[in-house]
Amino acid sequence: MTVTLDGENTFSYDHVYFTAVMKVVGVAYITQFGAEILRDGGEGAIALKVELAGKVFILGLTLPIVTEFLEVCVNALSAV
């Protein structure tokens, strides 16, 4: 997708990255909401487990992006 700002400057982004960021934000909100409900119900230990599961899930969602970023860094450093 390309967005034209003032006719001359354009901003483009990859749809894959935007989708991944939206998924991460959604998982974070749902995880936090679930953990707070559990804490309000007196289940602090389970709330910690839900938060940990959310963090692991977010790590799984972002791992391909992090791997691609590291490949770009390695290629940039090897070109120097």
PDB file of N, CA and C in Angstrom:
ATOM      1  N   MET A   1       0.849  -1.178   0.000  1.00  0.00           N
ATOM      2  CA  MET A   1       0.000   0.000   0.000  1.00  0.00           C
ATOM      3  C   MET A   1       0.887   1.230   0.000  1.00  0.00           C
ATOM      4  N   THR A   2       0.521   2.223  -0.800  1.00  0.00           N
ATOM      5  CA  THR A   2       1.259   3.466  -0.875  1.00  0.00           C
ATOM      6  C   THR A   2       0.322   4.619  -0.540  1.00  0.00           C
ATOM      7  N   VAL A   3       0.767   5.495   0.340  1.00  0.00           N
ATOM      8  CA  VAL A   3      -0.018   6.661   0.736  1.00  0.00           C
ATOM      9  C   VAL A   3       0.727   7.895   0.267  1.00  0.00           C
ATOM     10  N   THR A   4       0.076   8.750  -0.505  1.00  0.00           N
ATOM     11  CA  THR A   4       0.699   9.984  -0.972  1.00  0.00           C
ATOM     12  C   THR A   4       0.398  11.086   0.038  1.00  0.00           C
ATOM     13  N   LEU A   5       1.462  11.720   0.527  1.00  0.00           N
ATOM     14  CA  LEU A   5       1.291  12.741   1.549  1.00  0.00           C
ATOM     15  C   LEU A   5       1.037  14.116   0.942  1.00  0.00           C
ATOM     16  N   ASP A   6       1.898  14.589   0.061  1.00  0.00           N
ATOM     17  CA  ASP A   6       1.719  15.923  -0.509  1.00  0.00           C
ATOM     18  C   ASP A   6       1.985  15.940  -2.019  1.00  0.00           C
ATOM     19  N   GLY A   7       1.784  14.830  -2.660  1.00  0.00           N
ATOM     20  CA  GLY A   7       1.997  14.763  -4.089  1.00  0.00           C
ATOM     21  C   GLY A   7       3.417  14.371  -4.462  1.00  0.00           C
ATOM     22  N   GLU A   8       4.368  14.707  -3.622  1.00  0.00           N
ATOM     23  CA  GLU A   8       5.768  14.412  -3.915  1.00  0.00           C
ATOM     24  C   GLU A   8       6.295  13.287  -3.040  1.00  0.00           C
ATOM     25  N   ASN A   9       6.029  13.360  -1.752  1.00  0.00           N
ATOM     26  CA  ASN A   9       6.503  12.346  -0.814  1.00  0.00           C
ATOM     27  C   ASN A   9       5.487  11.225  -0.710  1.00  0.00           C
ATOM     28  N   THR A  10       5.965  10.011  -0.759  1.00  0.00           N
ATOM     29  CA  THR A  10       5.071   8.872  -0.597  1.00  0.00           C
ATOM     30  C   THR A  10       5.567   8.009   0.542  1.00  0.00           C
ATOM     31  N   PHE A  11       4.638   7.349   1.164  1.00  0.00           N
ATOM     32  CA  PHE A  11       4.946   6.445   2.264  1.00  0.00           C
ATOM     33  C   PHE A  11       4.353   5.096   1.899  1.00  0.00           C
ATOM     34  N   SER A  12       5.171   4.072   1.926  1.00  0.00           N
ATOM     35  CA  SER A  12       4.655   2.746   1.614  1.00  0.00           C
ATOM     36  C   SER A  12       5.064   1.783   2.717  1.00  0.00           C
ATOM     37  N   TYR A  13       4.257   0.780   2.919  1.00  0.00           N
ATOM     38  CA  TYR A  13       4.563  -0.235   3.914  1.00  0.00           C
ATOM     39  C   TYR A  13       4.100  -1.581   3.389  1.00  0.00           C
ATOM     40  N   ASP A  14       4.697  -2.603   3.946  1.00  0.00           N
ATOM     41  CA  ASP A  14       4.332  -3.949   3.549  1.00  0.00           C
ATOM     42  C   ASP A  14       3.112  -4.382   4.355  1.00  0.00           C
ATOM     43  N   HIS A  15       2.140  -4.924   3.674  1.00  0.00           N
ATOM     44  CA  HIS A  15       0.895  -5.340   4.320  1.00  0.00           C
ATOM     45  C   HIS A  15       1.145  -6.413   5.376  1.00  0.00           C
ATOM     46  N   VAL A  16       2.181  -7.211   5.199  1.00  0.00           N
ATOM     47  CA  VAL A  16       2.497  -8.277   6.151  1.00  0.00           C
ATOM     48  C   VAL A  16       2.868  -7.683   7.503  1.00  0.00           C
ATOM     49  N   TYR A  17       3.653  -6.612   7.499  1.00  0.00           N
ATOM     50  CA  TYR A  17       4.067  -5.998   8.758  1.00  0.00           C
ATOM     51  C   TYR A  17       2.887  -5.381   9.487  1.00  0.00           C
ATOM     52  N   PHE A  18       2.026  -4.705   8.749  1.00  0.00           N
ATOM     53  CA  PHE A  18       0.865  -4.075   9.366  1.00  0.00           C
ATOM     54  C   PHE A  18      -0.048  -5.128   9.994  1.00  0.00           C
ATOM     55  N   THR A  19      -0.248  -6.229   9.285  1.00  0.00           N
ATOM     56  CA  THR A  19      -1.078  -7.316   9.808  1.00  0.00           C
ATOM     57  C   THR A  19      -0.475  -7.903  11.071  1.00  0.00           C
ATOM     58  N   ALA A  20       0.837  -8.102  11.074  1.00  0.00           N
ATOM     59  CA  ALA A  20       1.503  -8.659  12.248  1.00  0.00           C
ATOM     60  C   ALA A  20       1.385  -7.723  13.446  1.00  0.00           C
ATOM     61  N   VAL A  21       1.549  -6.434  13.213  1.00  0.00           N
ATOM     62  CA  VAL A  21       1.445  -5.463  14.313  1.00  0.00           C
ATOM     63  C   VAL A  21       0.024  -5.447  14.874  1.00  0.00           C
ATOM     64  N   MET A  22      -0.971  -5.506  14.011  1.00  0.00           N
ATOM     65  CA  MET A  22      -2.357  -5.523  14.482  1.00  0.00           C
ATOM     66  C   MET A  22      -2.645  -6.800  15.282  1.00  0.00           C
ATOM     67  N   LYS A  23      -2.101  -7.919  14.857  1.00  0.00           N
ATOM     68  CA  LYS A  23      -2.280  -9.163  15.606  1.00  0.00           C
ATOM     69  C   LYS A  23      -1.619  -9.070  16.971  1.00  0.00           C
ATOM     70  N   VAL A  24      -0.424  -8.497  17.033  1.00  0.00           N
ATOM     71  CA  VAL A  24       0.284  -8.352  18.313  1.00  0.00           C
ATOM     72  C   VAL A  24      -0.493  -7.455  19.253  1.00  0.00           C
ATOM     73  N   VAL A  25      -1.006  -6.351  18.744  1.00  0.00           N
ATOM     74  CA  VAL A  25      -1.781  -5.434  19.589  1.00  0.00           C
ATOM     75  C   VAL A  25      -3.040  -6.131  20.100  1.00  0.00           C
ATOM     76  N   GLY A  26      -3.708  -6.883  19.240  1.00  0.00           N
ATOM     77  CA  GLY A  26      -4.902  -7.610  19.658  1.00  0.00           C
ATOM     78  C   GLY A  26      -4.604  -8.650  20.722  1.00  0.00           C
ATOM     79  N   VAL A  27      -3.532  -9.399  20.548  1.00  0.00           N
ATOM     80  CA  VAL A  27      -3.153 -10.409  21.543  1.00  0.00           C
ATOM     81  C   VAL A  27      -2.800  -9.741  22.865  1.00  0.00           C
ATOM     82  N   ALA A  28      -2.098  -8.616  22.798  1.00  0.00           N
ATOM     83  CA  ALA A  28      -1.716  -7.918  24.027  1.00  0.00           C
ATOM     84  C   ALA A  28      -2.948  -7.438  24.792  1.00  0.00           C
ATOM     85  N   TYR A  29      -3.918  -6.851  24.084  1.00  0.00           N
ATOM     86  CA  TYR A  29      -5.136  -6.379  24.745  1.00  0.00           C
ATOM     87  C   TYR A  29      -5.927  -7.528  25.358  1.00  0.00           C
ATOM     88  N   ILE A  30      -6.102  -8.593  24.601  1.00  0.00           N
ATOM     89  CA  ILE A  30      -6.874  -9.728  25.103  1.00  0.00           C
ATOM     90  C   ILE A  30      -6.175 -10.366  26.297  1.00  0.00           C
ATOM     91  N   THR A  31      -4.864 -10.498  26.213  1.00  0.00           N
ATOM     92  CA  THR A  31      -4.102 -11.091  27.314  1.00  0.00           C
ATOM     93  C   THR A  31      -4.213 -10.239  28.574  1.00  0.00           C
ATOM     94  N   GLN A  32      -4.032  -8.947  28.421  1.00  0.00           N
ATOM     95  CA  GLN A  32      -4.113  -8.052  29.573  1.00  0.00           C
ATOM     96  C   GLN A  32      -5.512  -8.053  30.173  1.00  0.00           C
ATOM     97  N   PHE A  33      -6.530  -8.047  29.325  1.00  0.00           N
ATOM     98  CA  PHE A  33      -7.903  -8.071  29.804  1.00  0.00           C
ATOM     99  C   PHE A  33      -8.188  -9.352  30.576  1.00  0.00           C
ATOM    100  N   GLY A  34      -7.762 -10.481  30.034  1.00  0.00           N
ATOM    101  CA  GLY A  34      -7.968 -11.761  30.721  1.00  0.00           C
ATOM    102  C   GLY A  34      -7.223 -11.846  32.034  1.00  0.00           C
ATOM    103  N   ALA A  35      -5.992 -11.350  32.045  1.00  0.00           N
ATOM    104  CA  ALA A  35      -5.203 -11.387  33.277  1.00  0.00           C
ATOM    105  C   ALA A  35      -5.824 -10.499  34.359  1.00  0.00           C
ATOM    106  N   GLU A  36      -6.333  -9.336  33.974  1.00  0.00           N
ATOM    107  CA  GLU A  36      -6.961  -8.447  34.959  1.00  0.00           C
ATOM    108  C   GLU A  36      -8.246  -9.056  35.520  1.00  0.00           C
ATOM    109  N   ILE A  37      -9.008  -9.738  34.681  1.00  0.00           N
ATOM    110  CA  ILE A  37     -10.214 -10.407  35.176  1.00  0.00           C
ATOM    111  C   ILE A  37      -9.833 -11.488  36.184  1.00  0.00           C
ATOM    112  N   LEU A  38      -8.788 -12.237  35.871  1.00  0.00           N
ATOM    113  CA  LEU A  38      -8.337 -13.278  36.796  1.00  0.00           C
ATOM    114  C   LEU A  38      -7.830 -12.685  38.106  1.00  0.00           C
ATOM    115  N   ARG A  39      -7.105 -11.573  38.019  1.00  0.00           N
ATOM    116  CA  ARG A  39      -6.620 -10.929  39.256  1.00  0.00           C
ATOM    117  C   ARG A  39      -7.786 -10.430  40.108  1.00  0.00           C
ATOM    118  N   ASP A  40      -8.794  -9.863  39.456  1.00  0.00           N
ATOM    119  CA  ASP A  40      -9.969  -9.392  40.187  1.00  0.00           C
ATOM    120  C   ASP A  40     -10.698 -10.542  40.855  1.00  0.00           C
ATOM    121  N   GLY A  41     -10.621 -11.715  40.260  1.00  0.00           N
ATOM    122  CA  GLY A  41     -11.254 -12.897  40.837  1.00  0.00           C
ATOM    123  C   GLY A  41     -10.385 -13.604  41.864  1.00  0.00           C
ATOM    124  N   GLY A  42      -9.221 -13.048  42.155  1.00  0.00           N
ATOM    125  CA  GLY A  42      -8.342 -13.636  43.166  1.00  0.00           C
ATOM    126  C   GLY A  42      -7.450 -14.750  42.640  1.00  0.00           C
ATOM    127  N   GLU A  43      -7.317 -14.863  41.346  1.00  0.00           N
ATOM    128  CA  GLU A  43      -6.494 -15.916  40.754  1.00  0.00           C
ATOM    129  C   GLU A  43      -5.219 -15.320  40.159  1.00  0.00           C
ATOM    130  N   GLY A  44      -4.379 -14.775  41.031  1.00  0.00           N
ATOM    131  CA  GLY A  44      -3.150 -14.110  40.591  1.00  0.00           C
ATOM    132  C   GLY A  44      -2.171 -15.049  39.908  1.00  0.00           C
ATOM    133  N   ALA A  45      -2.081 -16.285  40.382  1.00  0.00           N
ATOM    134  CA  ALA A  45      -1.139 -17.232  39.791  1.00  0.00           C
ATOM    135  C   ALA A  45      -1.530 -17.585  38.357  1.00  0.00           C
ATOM    136  N   ILE A  46      -2.818 -17.779  38.143  1.00  0.00           N
ATOM    137  CA  ILE A  46      -3.280 -18.087  36.790  1.00  0.00           C
ATOM    138  C   ILE A  46      -3.118 -16.869  35.887  1.00  0.00           C
ATOM    139  N   ALA A  47      -3.298 -15.671  36.438  1.00  0.00           N
ATOM    140  CA  ALA A  47      -3.119 -14.449  35.661  1.00  0.00           C
ATOM    141  C   ALA A  47      -1.685 -14.344  35.153  1.00  0.00           C
ATOM    142  N   LEU A  48      -0.726 -14.713  35.989  1.00  0.00           N
ATOM    143  CA  LEU A  48       0.671 -14.692  35.557  1.00  0.00           C
ATOM    144  C   LEU A  48       0.914 -15.686  34.425  1.00  0.00           C
ATOM    145  N   LYS A  49       0.278 -16.828  34.488  1.00  0.00           N
ATOM    146  CA  LYS A  49       0.424 -17.837  33.434  1.00  0.00           C
ATOM    147  C   LYS A  49      -0.203 -17.345  32.120  1.00  0.00           C
ATOM    148  N   VAL A  50      -1.343 -16.656  32.219  1.00  0.00           N
ATOM    149  CA  VAL A  50      -1.985 -16.101  31.026  1.00  0.00           C
ATOM    150  C   VAL A  50      -1.087 -15.048  30.395  1.00  0.00           C
ATOM    151  N   GLU A  51      -0.479 -14.198  31.214  1.00  0.00           N
ATOM    152  CA  GLU A  51       0.432 -13.185  30.692  1.00  0.00           C
ATOM    153  C   GLU A  51       1.647 -13.827  30.027  1.00  0.00           C
ATOM    154  N   LEU A  52       2.179 -14.866  30.640  1.00  0.00           N
ATOM    155  CA  LEU A  52       3.314 -15.568  30.043  1.00  0.00           C
ATOM    156  C   LEU A  52       2.930 -16.190  28.710  1.00  0.00           C
ATOM    157  N   ALA A  53       1.763 -16.799  28.648  1.00  0.00           N
ATOM    158  CA  ALA A  53       1.296 -17.394  27.393  1.00  0.00           C
ATOM    159  C   ALA A  53       1.129 -16.328  26.316  1.00  0.00           C
ATOM    160  N   GLY A  54       0.622 -15.169  26.697  1.00  0.00           N
ATOM    161  CA  GLY A  54       0.477 -14.072  25.736  1.00  0.00           C
ATOM    162  C   GLY A  54       1.817 -13.598  25.212  1.00  0.00           C
ATOM    163  N   LYS A  55       2.810 -13.504  26.095  1.00  0.00           N
ATOM    164  CA  LYS A  55       4.147 -13.084  25.672  1.00  0.00           C
ATOM    165  C   LYS A  55       4.780 -14.098  24.731  1.00  0.00           C
ATOM    166  N   VAL A  56       4.589 -15.368  25.015  1.00  0.00           N
ATOM    167  CA  VAL A  56       5.123 -16.411  24.140  1.00  0.00           C
ATOM    168  C   VAL A  56       4.433 -16.365  22.786  1.00  0.00           C
ATOM    169  N   PHE A  57       3.128 -16.150  22.779  1.00  0.00           N
ATOM    170  CA  PHE A  57       2.380 -16.060  21.532  1.00  0.00           C
ATOM    171  C   PHE A  57       2.835 -14.860  20.709  1.00  0.00           C
ATOM    172  N   ILE A  58       3.058 -13.724  21.371  1.00  0.00           N
ATOM    173  CA  ILE A  58       3.542 -12.531  20.676  1.00  0.00           C
ATOM    174  C   ILE A  58       4.934 -12.785  20.110  1.00  0.00           C
ATOM    175  N   LEU A  59       5.779 -13.463  20.865  1.00  0.00           N
ATOM    176  CA  LEU A  59       7.107 -13.809  20.364  1.00  0.00           C
ATOM    177  C   LEU A  59       6.995 -14.665  19.108  1.00  0.00           C
ATOM    178  N   GLY A  60       6.076 -15.610  19.121  1.00  0.00           N
ATOM    179  CA  GLY A  60       5.872 -16.448  17.943  1.00  0.00           C
ATOM    180  C   GLY A  60       5.383 -15.658  16.740  1.00  0.00           C
ATOM    181  N   LEU A  61       4.539 -14.664  16.977  1.00  0.00           N
ATOM    182  CA  LEU A  61       4.043 -13.832  15.880  1.00  0.00           C
ATOM    183  C   LEU A  61       5.139 -12.949  15.286  1.00  0.00           C
ATOM    184  N   THR A  62       6.042 -12.474  16.125  1.00  0.00           N
ATOM    185  CA  THR A  62       7.053 -11.532  15.659  1.00  0.00           C
ATOM    186  C   THR A  62       8.358 -12.192  15.246  1.00  0.00           C
ATOM    187  N   LEU A  63       8.515 -13.460  15.487  1.00  0.00           N
ATOM    188  CA  LEU A  63       9.770 -14.138  15.164  1.00  0.00           C
ATOM    189  C   LEU A  63      10.140 -14.036  13.681  1.00  0.00           C
ATOM    190  N   PRO A  64       9.221 -14.221  12.736  1.00  0.00           N
ATOM    191  CA  PRO A  64       9.615 -14.060  11.326  1.00  0.00           C
ATOM    192  C   PRO A  64      10.098 -12.645  10.988  1.00  0.00           C
ATOM    193  N   ILE A  65       9.497 -11.648  11.600  1.00  0.00           N
ATOM    194  CA  ILE A  65       9.907 -10.266  11.339  1.00  0.00           C
ATOM    195  C   ILE A  65      11.289 -10.003  11.933  1.00  0.00           C
ATOM    196  N   VAL A  66      11.525 -10.493  13.137  1.00  0.00           N
ATOM    197  CA  VAL A  66      12.829 -10.317  13.776  1.00  0.00           C
ATOM    198  C   VAL A  66      13.905 -11.040  12.973  1.00  0.00           C
ATOM    199  N   THR A  67      13.594 -12.234  12.490  1.00  0.00           N
ATOM    200  CA  THR A  67      14.555 -12.991  11.686  1.00  0.00           C
ATOM    201  C   THR A  67      14.889 -12.237  10.401  1.00  0.00           C
ATOM    202  N   GLU A  68      13.882 -11.688   9.750  1.00  0.00           N
ATOM    203  CA  GLU A  68      14.120 -10.918   8.530  1.00  0.00           C
ATOM    204  C   GLU A  68      14.954  -9.675   8.816  1.00  0.00           C
ATOM    205  N   PHE A  69      14.684  -9.012   9.925  1.00  0.00           N
ATOM    206  CA  PHE A  69      15.454  -7.831  10.308  1.00  0.00           C
ATOM    207  C   PHE A  69      16.917  -8.191  10.547  1.00  0.00           C
ATOM    208  N   LEU A  70      17.162  -9.304  11.229  1.00  0.00           N
ATOM    209  CA  LEU A  70      18.535  -9.724  11.472  1.00  0.00           C
ATOM    210  C   LEU A  70      19.250 -10.091  10.173  1.00  0.00           C
ATOM    211  N   GLU A  71      18.539 -10.697   9.232  1.00  0.00           N
ATOM    212  CA  GLU A  71      19.139 -11.007   7.926  1.00  0.00           C
ATOM    213  C   GLU A  71      19.527  -9.727   7.190  1.00  0.00           C
ATOM    214  N   VAL A  72      18.682  -8.711   7.258  1.00  0.00           N
ATOM    215  CA  VAL A  72      19.002  -7.437   6.624  1.00  0.00           C
ATOM    216  C   VAL A  72      20.231  -6.818   7.270  1.00  0.00           C
ATOM    217  N   CYS A  73      20.335  -6.888   8.597  1.00  0.00           N
ATOM    218  CA  CYS A  73      21.489  -6.344   9.304  1.00  0.00           C
ATOM    219  C   CYS A  73      22.768  -7.078   8.908  1.00  0.00           C
ATOM    220  N   VAL A  74      22.709  -8.398   8.850  1.00  0.00           N
ATOM    221  CA  VAL A  74      23.885  -9.183   8.483  1.00  0.00           C
ATOM    222  C   VAL A  74      24.306  -8.868   7.052  1.00  0.00           C
ATOM    223  N   ASN A  75      23.333  -8.758   6.145  1.00  0.00           N
ATOM    224  CA  ASN A  75      23.659  -8.426   4.751  1.00  0.00           C
ATOM    225  C   ASN A  75      24.249  -7.035   4.638  1.00  0.00           C
ATOM    226  N   ALA A  76      23.750  -6.092   5.414  1.00  0.00           N
ATOM    227  CA  ALA A  76      24.273  -4.739   5.387  1.00  0.00           C
ATOM    228  C   ALA A  76      25.704  -4.697   5.927  1.00  0.00           C
ATOM    229  N   LEU A  77      25.955  -5.465   6.980  1.00  0.00           N
ATOM    230  CA  LEU A  77      27.300  -5.482   7.544  1.00  0.00           C
ATOM    231  C   LEU A  77      28.294  -6.214   6.650  1.00  0.00           C
ATOM    232  N   SER A  78      27.822  -7.232   5.948  1.00  0.00           N
ATOM    233  CA  SER A  78      28.728  -7.971   5.071  1.00  0.00           C
ATOM    234  C   SER A  78      29.047  -7.176   3.799  1.00  0.00           C
ATOM    235  N   ALA A  79      28.200  -6.222   3.444  1.00  0.00           N
ATOM    236  CA  ALA A  79      28.440  -5.399   2.269  1.00  0.00           C
ATOM    237  C   ALA A  79      29.472  -4.315   2.534  1.00  0.00           C
ATOM    238  N   VAL A  80      29.735  -4.021   3.783  1.00  0.00           N
ATOM    239  CA  VAL A  80      30.665  -2.949   4.139  1.00  0.00           C
ATOM    240  C   VAL A  80      32.062  -3.387   4.047  1.00  0.00           C
TER     241      VAL A  80
END
